[in-house]
C-alpha atoms as a PDB file:
ATOM      1  CA  MET A   1     132.546 115.968 155.145  1.00  0.00           C
ATOM      2  CA  PHE A   2     132.077 113.756 152.093  1.00  0.00           C
ATOM      3  CA  ASP A   3     132.816 110.294 152.095  1.00  0.00           C
ATOM      4  CA  PRO A   4     132.077 108.474 149.293  1.00  0.00           C
ATOM      5  CA  TRP A   5     134.165 105.639 150.276  1.00  0.00           C
ATOM      6  CA  TYR A   6     131.164 102.639 150.812  1.00  0.00           C
ATOM      7  CA  SER A   7     129.279 104.445 147.958  1.00  0.00           C
ATOM      8  CA  ILE A   8     131.980 103.199 145.563  1.00  0.00           C
ATOM      9  CA  ILE A   9     132.448 100.121 147.530  1.00  0.00           C
ATOM     10  CA  HIS A  10     128.684  99.134 146.813  1.00  0.00           C
ATOM     11  CA  SER A  11     128.667  99.778 143.792  1.00  0.00           C
ATOM     12  CA  ALA A  12     131.719  97.800 142.849  1.00  0.00           C
ATOM     13  CA  LYS A  13     130.160  94.829 144.286  1.00  0.00           C
ATOM     14  CA  CYS A  14     127.023  95.230 142.551  1.00  0.00           C
ATOM     15  CA  LEU A  15     128.564  95.320 139.229  1.00  0.00           C
ATOM     16  CA  PRO A  16     129.246  92.208 137.905  1.00  0.00           C
ATOM     17  CA  PHE A  17     133.284  90.792 137.065  1.00  0.00           C
ATOM     18  CA  ARG A  18     132.249  90.272 133.888  1.00  0.00           C
ATOM     19  CA  ASP A  19     131.158  94.025 133.020  1.00  0.00           C
ATOM     20  CA  THR A  20     134.409  96.112 132.736  1.00  0.00           C
ATOM     21  CA  VAL A  21     132.876  98.867 131.501  1.00  0.00           C
ATOM     22  CA  GLY A  22     131.524  99.513 134.821  1.00  0.00           C
ATOM     23  CA  LEU A  23     134.152  98.581 136.651  1.00  0.00           C
ATOM     24  CA  HIS A  24     136.416 100.458 134.649  1.00  0.00           C
ATOM     25  CA  LYS A  25     134.812 103.634 135.457  1.00  0.00           C
ATOM     26  CA  LEU A  26     134.707 103.340 138.968  1.00  0.00           C
ATOM     27  CA  VAL A  27     138.795 102.572 138.632  1.00  0.00           C
ATOM     28  CA  THR A  28     138.581 105.831 136.245  1.00  0.00           C
ATOM     29  CA  LEU A  29     136.744 107.478 139.289  1.00  0.00           C
ATOM     30  CA  MET A  30     139.184 106.200 141.464  1.00  0.00           C
ATOM     31  CA  SER A  31     142.095 107.676 139.677  1.00  0.00           C
ATOM     32  CA  ALA A  32     140.885 110.796 139.110  1.00  0.00           C
ATOM     33  CA  MET A  33     140.029 111.520 142.625  1.00  0.00           C
ATOM     34  CA  LYS A  34     143.356 110.808 143.828  1.00  0.00           C
ATOM     35  CA  VAL A  35     144.976 113.070 141.719  1.00  0.00           C
ATOM     36  CA  GLN A  36     142.762 116.029 143.170  1.00  0.00           C
ATOM     37  CA  PRO A  37     144.388 116.762 146.473  1.00  0.00           C
ATOM     38  CA  ALA A  38     141.912 119.355 147.658  1.00  0.00           C
ATOM     39  CA  LEU A  39     139.471 115.970 146.876  1.00  0.00           C
ATOM     40  CA  PHE A  40     141.250 113.317 148.005  1.00  0.00           C
ATOM     41  CA  HIS A  41     144.503 113.876 149.851  1.00  0.00           C
ATOM     42  CA  ASP A  42     144.650 110.134 151.539  1.00  0.00           C
ATOM     43  CA  LEU A  43     143.376 106.510 150.548  1.00  0.00           C
ATOM     44  CA  GLY A  44     143.655 105.494 153.914  1.00  0.00           C
ATOM     45  CA  GLY A  45     139.698 105.841 154.573  1.00  0.00           C
ATOM     46  CA  PHE A  46     138.932 104.116 151.126  1.00  0.00           C
ATOM     47  CA  THR A  47     141.851 101.325 151.726  1.00  0.00           C
ATOM     48  CA  GLY A  48     140.277 100.469 155.460  1.00  0.00           C
ATOM     49  CA  GLU A  49     136.906 100.475 154.398  1.00  0.00           C
ATOM     50  CA  ALA A  50     137.955  97.932 150.992  1.00  0.00           C
ATOM     51  CA  ARG A  51     140.047  95.626 153.200  1.00  0.00           C
ATOM     52  CA  GLU A  52     136.936  94.811 156.016  1.00  0.00           C
ATOM     53  CA  SER A  53     134.848  94.604 152.792  1.00  0.00           C
ATOM     54  CA  ILE A  54     137.077  92.092 151.437  1.00  0.00           C
ATOM     55  CA  ASN A  55     137.173  90.466 154.679  1.00  0.00           C
ATOM     56  CA  ASP A  56     133.687  89.614 154.104  1.00  0.00           C
ATOM     57  CA  SER A  57     134.223  87.044 152.439  1.00  0.00           C
ATOM     58  CA  PRO A  58     131.692  83.654 152.132  1.00  0.00           C
ATOM     59  CA  GLY A  59     133.213  80.765 153.526  1.00  0.00           C
ATOM     60  CA  TYR A  60     131.791  77.007 152.608  1.00  0.00           C
ATOM     61  CA  GLY A  61     128.955  76.196 154.812  1.00  0.00           C
ATOM     62  CA  SER A  62     128.189  79.279 155.866  1.00  0.00           C
ATOM     63  CA  GLY A  63     124.722  79.915 154.754  1.00  0.00           C
ATOM     64  CA  TYR A  64     125.992  82.445 151.875  1.00  0.00           C
ATOM     65  CA  LEU A  65     124.086  82.499 148.820  1.00  0.00           C
ATOM     66  CA  PRO A  66     124.877  83.290 145.442  1.00  0.00           C
ATOM     67  CA  PRO A  67     124.478  86.712 145.480  1.00  0.00           C
ATOM     68  CA  GLU A  68     126.639  87.295 148.331  1.00  0.00           C
ATOM     69  CA  ALA A  69     129.274  85.400 146.708  1.00  0.00           C
ATOM     70  CA  HIS A  70     129.192  87.483 143.276  1.00  0.00           C
ATOM     71  CA  ALA A  71     129.547  90.689 145.051  1.00  0.00           C
ATOM     72  CA  TYR A  72     132.589  89.325 147.058  1.00  0.00           C
ATOM     73  CA  ALA A  73     133.982  87.971 143.343  1.00  0.00           C
ATOM     74  CA  ASN A  74     133.553  91.887 142.431  1.00  0.00           C
ATOM     75  CA  MET A  75     134.724  93.283 144.632  1.00  0.00           C
ATOM     76  CA  GLN A  76     137.828  91.184 144.139  1.00  0.00           C
ATOM     77  CA  TYR A  77     138.141  91.862 140.513  1.00  0.00           C
ATOM     78  CA  PHE A  78     137.743  95.527 141.205  1.00  0.00           C
ATOM     79  CA  VAL A  79     140.808  95.950 143.938  1.00  0.00           C
ATOM     80  CA  ALA A  80     142.340  94.154 141.257  1.00  0.00           C
ATOM     81  CA  LEU A  81     141.781  96.406 138.664  1.00  0.00           C
ATOM     82  CA  LEU A  82     143.010  99.400 141.049  1.00  0.00           C
ATOM     83  CA  THR A  83     146.209  97.232 142.044  1.00  0.00           C
ATOM     84  CA  ARG A  84     146.966  97.418 138.256  1.00  0.00           C
ATOM     85  CA  ALA A  85     146.020 100.827 137.683  1.00  0.00           C
ATOM     86  CA  GLN A  86     148.177 101.441 140.842  1.00  0.00           C
ATOM     87  CA  VAL A  87     145.582 103.595 142.226  1.00  0.00           C
ATOM     88  CA  ALA A  88     145.975 101.646 145.149  1.00  0.00           C
ATOM     89  CA  ASP A  89     148.231  98.291 146.314  1.00  0.00           C
ATOM     90  CA  PHE A  90     146.035  95.204 147.226  1.00  0.00           C
ATOM     91  CA  CYS A  91     148.496  92.899 146.337  1.00  0.00           C
ATOM     92  CA  ILE A  92     148.037  90.598 149.020  1.00  0.00           C
ATOM     93  CA  TYR A  93     144.210  90.819 148.963  1.00  0.00           C
ATOM     94  CA  CYS A  94     143.731  90.108 145.457  1.00  0.00           C
ATOM     95  CA  ILE A  95     143.148  86.435 144.205  1.00  0.00           C
END
């Protein structure tokens, strides 16, 4: 079975939140997948894996490096875009 979720999450973490073109392409991809029941019948797998990724938040004094903090900010922005586009509801996780 094809599981694209970690690839999408990884891409969202790597794309800077200022790169609105790249992140909007990911949102468009997720929107297109959502309307294809043969490819995408349940958001449960994605939302669970995304929440786990969000739980890896960088904490003060925990030794996180700037790239890890940037990846967290990028992921926060991505889930906010997904929420706004009504692809998935992450309103309790978005900053």
